[in-house]
Every structure is written in C-alpha cells, then in structure tokens.
Amino acid sequence: MLDTIFGLPIHPLVVHATVVVVPTAALAVLLSAVWPRFREWAGWLTPALAVAAVVLTPLSTSSGESLEGHVGSSRLVEEHAELADMLIYWVVALLVGAAAVWWLNRRRAGAPRRGLLVAALVLSVVAGLGTIVQTVLIGHSGAKAAWSDVAAQSVTAGGGSGDGD
C-alpha cells in the first residue's frame, strides 16, 4: 500500500476524508430513516455516501497499520487501532440499512414490504447511531495517541500546563 504522499504519511490524509464522509453518511441514513421527506429528497445519495464510508474505512485502518509500523506501538495506539478495526462492521450495517430503505422506498408495494421497511428503518437508526458513537471514540483515542507525547514533552520541557504559566 502507498504509505506516503509527498513525504507525508497517508493515514492523516485518508482519515480526514473518513472523518467527514462516515459521520455524514450516518447522519444521512439517520435522517432517511426518521424523515420521509428527506428520504425522498436524498434518494440514491444516502446509499452512495454509505458506499463511500465502506470504501474509506479499510483504507483508513490499513494506512493506520502502516503508520503504526513506522512510529511504533503504544497502549494508546493499540486502543485506537482496536476501536478503528470495529468501524467496518458499523459502516457495513449502515450500508445495508441505507440500501434496503432506498430500495424498499422505491418499490412502495403493500403490507408485506411494510414490515421489511420498518426493519430496514430500525437497522438504519441503530447503525447510524452506532457509527457516530464509534467514530467519536476512534477520533478521541487517535487524538490521545497522537498528542499525548506532545503534552508530556511540553510539561517536561518547562512548557507548563497551559493554564497561565
């Protein structure tokens, strides 16, 4: 896999796209599940965003594993990697829910499909909320892993605690 672009690690670059697309997809799926007017307006955009989330997630995790090989591992990096590895399950469920709601909404046929639509709506809500929570947890753990040494170095170098020193 490509590790760098112009000498910069690719992981932070890919992660920025992932951090925008994954929550946007989750929000679009949630809105489609609970707001029929939005569902009609968004149409195929909602499942398309979910596809992009499914594509970006493994790119982020594999580029993160590559970066981990260069910078070394720590307890914080391991925690971040474990959380990130679970995101794929959430975004796949998000895609399944988005695709099912989109497809069933287009068909609009009778009572038997109503039960399927309700199941797809419930899956979409659960997957949307789970995706958002997982993304926040991953981002928080990644920030701790990336910046914990900076804070420690600042304090040990006499930089103070940042509260007026």
Protein backbone atom coordinates (compact mmCIF):
# COMPACT_ATOMS: atom_id res chain seq x y z
CA MET A 1 0.00 0.00 0.00
CA LEU A 2 1.05 3.56 -0.61
CA ASP A 3 2.49 4.83 2.71
CA THR A 4 3.22 8.47 1.89
CA ILE A 5 2.22 11.28 -0.43
CA PHE A 6 4.87 13.94 -0.97
CA GLY A 7 6.70 12.62 2.09
CA LEU A 8 3.67 12.88 4.38
CA PRO A 9 2.09 9.79 5.92
CA ILE A 10 -1.09 8.97 4.02
CA HIS A 11 -3.03 7.99 7.16
CA PRO A 12 -3.84 11.53 8.36
CA LEU A 13 -4.86 12.48 4.82
CA VAL A 14 -7.19 9.49 4.40
CA VAL A 15 -8.55 9.90 7.91
CA HIS A 16 -9.64 13.46 7.18
CA ALA A 17 -11.80 12.18 4.32
CA THR A 18 -13.11 9.38 6.52
CA VAL A 19 -13.93 11.75 9.38
CA VAL A 20 -16.08 13.80 7.02
CA VAL A 21 -17.73 11.04 4.97
CA VAL A 22 -18.54 8.48 7.69
CA PRO A 23 -20.48 10.82 10.02
CA THR A 24 -22.13 12.48 7.01
CA ALA A 25 -23.26 9.07 5.77
CA ALA A 26 -24.50 8.13 9.24
CA LEU A 27 -26.43 11.39 9.57
CA ALA A 28 -27.94 10.97 6.10
CA VAL A 29 -29.00 7.40 6.90
CA LEU A 30 -30.50 8.51 10.21
CA LEU A 31 -32.42 11.33 8.54
CA SER A 32 -33.64 8.98 5.82
CA ALA A 33 -34.87 6.57 8.46
CA VAL A 34 -36.83 9.09 10.50
CA TRP A 35 -37.83 11.75 7.97
CA PRO A 36 -39.68 10.55 4.85
CA ARG A 37 -39.35 13.94 3.15
CA PHE A 38 -35.56 13.79 3.47
CA ARG A 39 -35.64 10.18 2.23
CA GLU A 40 -37.46 11.31 -0.92
CA TRP A 41 -35.15 14.27 -1.45
CA ALA A 42 -31.86 12.41 -0.86
CA GLY A 43 -32.75 9.38 -2.99
CA TRP A 44 -29.63 7.47 -4.04
CA LEU A 45 -27.27 9.93 -2.29
CA THR A 46 -27.74 8.23 1.08
CA PRO A 47 -26.63 4.74 -0.04
CA ALA A 48 -23.85 6.35 -2.12
CA LEU A 49 -22.46 8.04 1.00
CA ALA A 50 -22.66 4.72 2.82
CA VAL A 51 -20.69 3.05 -0.01
CA ALA A 52 -18.03 5.76 0.31
CA ALA A 53 -17.88 5.10 4.07
CA VAL A 54 -17.38 1.37 3.43
CA VAL A 55 -14.57 2.13 0.97
CA LEU A 56 -12.80 4.70 3.17
CA THR A 57 -12.91 2.70 6.40
CA PRO A 58 -10.50 -0.09 5.36
CA LEU A 59 -8.27 2.48 3.65
CA SER A 60 -8.01 4.33 6.96
CA THR A 61 -7.33 1.22 9.01
CA SER A 62 -4.73 -0.19 6.62
CA SER A 63 -2.93 3.15 6.31
CA GLY A 64 -3.04 3.39 10.11
CA GLU A 65 -1.41 -0.02 10.42
CA SER A 66 1.28 1.13 8.04
CA LEU A 67 1.85 4.30 10.06
CA GLU A 68 1.97 2.26 13.26
CA GLY A 69 4.82 0.26 11.73
CA HIS A 70 6.78 3.49 11.25
CA VAL A 71 6.10 5.24 14.56
CA GLY A 72 5.89 2.21 16.84
CA SER A 73 3.14 0.97 19.05
CA SER A 74 1.94 2.03 22.46
CA ARG A 75 -1.04 1.26 24.64
CA LEU A 76 -2.86 4.32 23.23
CA VAL A 77 -2.10 3.37 19.62
CA GLU A 78 -3.28 -0.19 20.25
CA GLU A 79 -6.52 1.08 21.80
CA HIS A 80 -7.06 3.35 18.79
CA ALA A 81 -6.38 0.50 16.35
CA GLU A 82 -8.78 -1.86 18.13
CA LEU A 83 -11.58 0.72 18.04
CA ALA A 84 -10.86 1.51 14.38
CA ASP A 85 -10.99 -2.16 13.41
CA MET A 86 -14.60 -2.34 14.66
CA LEU A 87 -15.83 0.55 12.50
CA ILE A 88 -16.14 -1.61 9.38
CA TYR A 89 -18.94 -3.61 11.00
CA TRP A 90 -20.89 -0.43 11.71
CA VAL A 91 -20.46 1.05 8.23
CA VAL A 92 -21.40 -2.23 6.54
CA ALA A 93 -24.60 -2.31 8.64
CA LEU A 94 -25.10 1.35 7.69
CA LEU A 95 -24.80 0.46 4.01
CA VAL A 96 -27.21 -2.47 4.30
CA GLY A 97 -29.76 -0.27 6.08
CA ALA A 98 -29.35 2.59 3.61
CA ALA A 99 -29.64 0.33 0.58
CA ALA A 100 -32.66 -1.50 1.99
CA VAL A 101 -34.51 1.71 2.88
CA TRP A 102 -33.75 3.20 -0.53
CA TRP A 103 -34.80 0.07 -2.43
CA LEU A 104 -37.93 -0.61 -0.38
CA ASN A 105 -38.96 3.04 -0.53
CA ARG A 106 -38.76 2.92 -4.32
CA ARG A 107 -40.94 -0.20 -4.50
CA ARG A 108 -43.79 1.07 -2.27
CA ALA A 109 -45.76 -2.11 -2.58
CA GLY A 110 -48.31 -3.26 0.00
CA ALA A 111 -48.24 -4.52 3.55
CA PRO A 112 -45.68 -7.35 3.25
CA ARG A 113 -42.98 -4.82 2.36
CA ARG A 114 -44.04 -2.50 5.14
CA GLY A 115 -42.60 -4.93 7.69
CA LEU A 116 -39.34 -5.07 5.74
CA LEU A 117 -39.24 -1.29 5.55
CA VAL A 118 -39.73 -0.99 9.32
CA ALA A 119 -36.90 -3.50 9.88
CA ALA A 120 -34.65 -1.55 7.49
CA LEU A 121 -35.53 1.71 9.26
CA VAL A 122 -34.66 0.22 12.66
CA LEU A 123 -31.38 -1.17 11.30
CA SER A 124 -30.59 2.25 9.83
CA VAL A 125 -31.19 4.05 13.13
CA VAL A 126 -29.12 1.57 15.15
CA ALA A 127 -26.31 1.51 12.58
CA GLY A 128 -26.34 5.31 12.22
CA LEU A 129 -26.09 5.91 15.95
CA GLY A 130 -23.52 3.15 16.40
CA THR A 131 -21.41 4.52 13.56
CA ILE A 132 -21.41 8.01 15.04
CA VAL A 133 -20.51 6.78 18.52
CA GLN A 134 -17.76 4.52 17.18
CA THR A 135 -16.33 7.33 15.04
CA VAL A 136 -16.19 9.67 18.05
CA LEU A 137 -14.49 7.01 20.18
CA ILE A 138 -11.94 6.33 17.43
CA GLY A 139 -11.23 10.01 16.93
CA HIS A 140 -10.81 10.61 20.64
CA SER A 141 -8.45 7.68 21.06
CA GLY A 142 -6.49 8.73 17.97
CA ALA A 143 -6.10 12.27 19.29
CA LYS A 144 -4.90 10.92 22.63
CA ALA A 145 -2.43 8.64 20.86
CA ALA A 146 -1.13 11.40 18.60
CA TRP A 147 -0.93 14.21 21.12
CA SER A 148 -0.14 12.53 24.46
CA ASP A 149 3.61 12.69 23.82
CA VAL A 150 3.38 16.33 22.79
CA ALA A 151 1.71 17.29 26.08
CA ALA A 152 4.19 15.22 28.07
CA GLN A 153 7.15 16.79 26.24
CA SER A 154 5.72 20.28 26.75
CA VAL A 155 5.40 19.77 30.51
CA THR A 156 8.85 18.16 30.88
CA ALA A 157 10.47 20.87 28.75
CA GLY A 158 9.14 23.54 31.07
CA GLY A 159 6.19 24.44 28.89
CA GLY A 160 3.90 24.38 31.88
CA SER A 161 0.41 23.06 32.00
CA GLY A 162 -1.12 25.64 29.68
CA ASP A 163 -3.21 27.36 32.34
CA GLY A 164 -1.45 30.68 32.52
CA ASP A 165 2.12 29.59 33.34
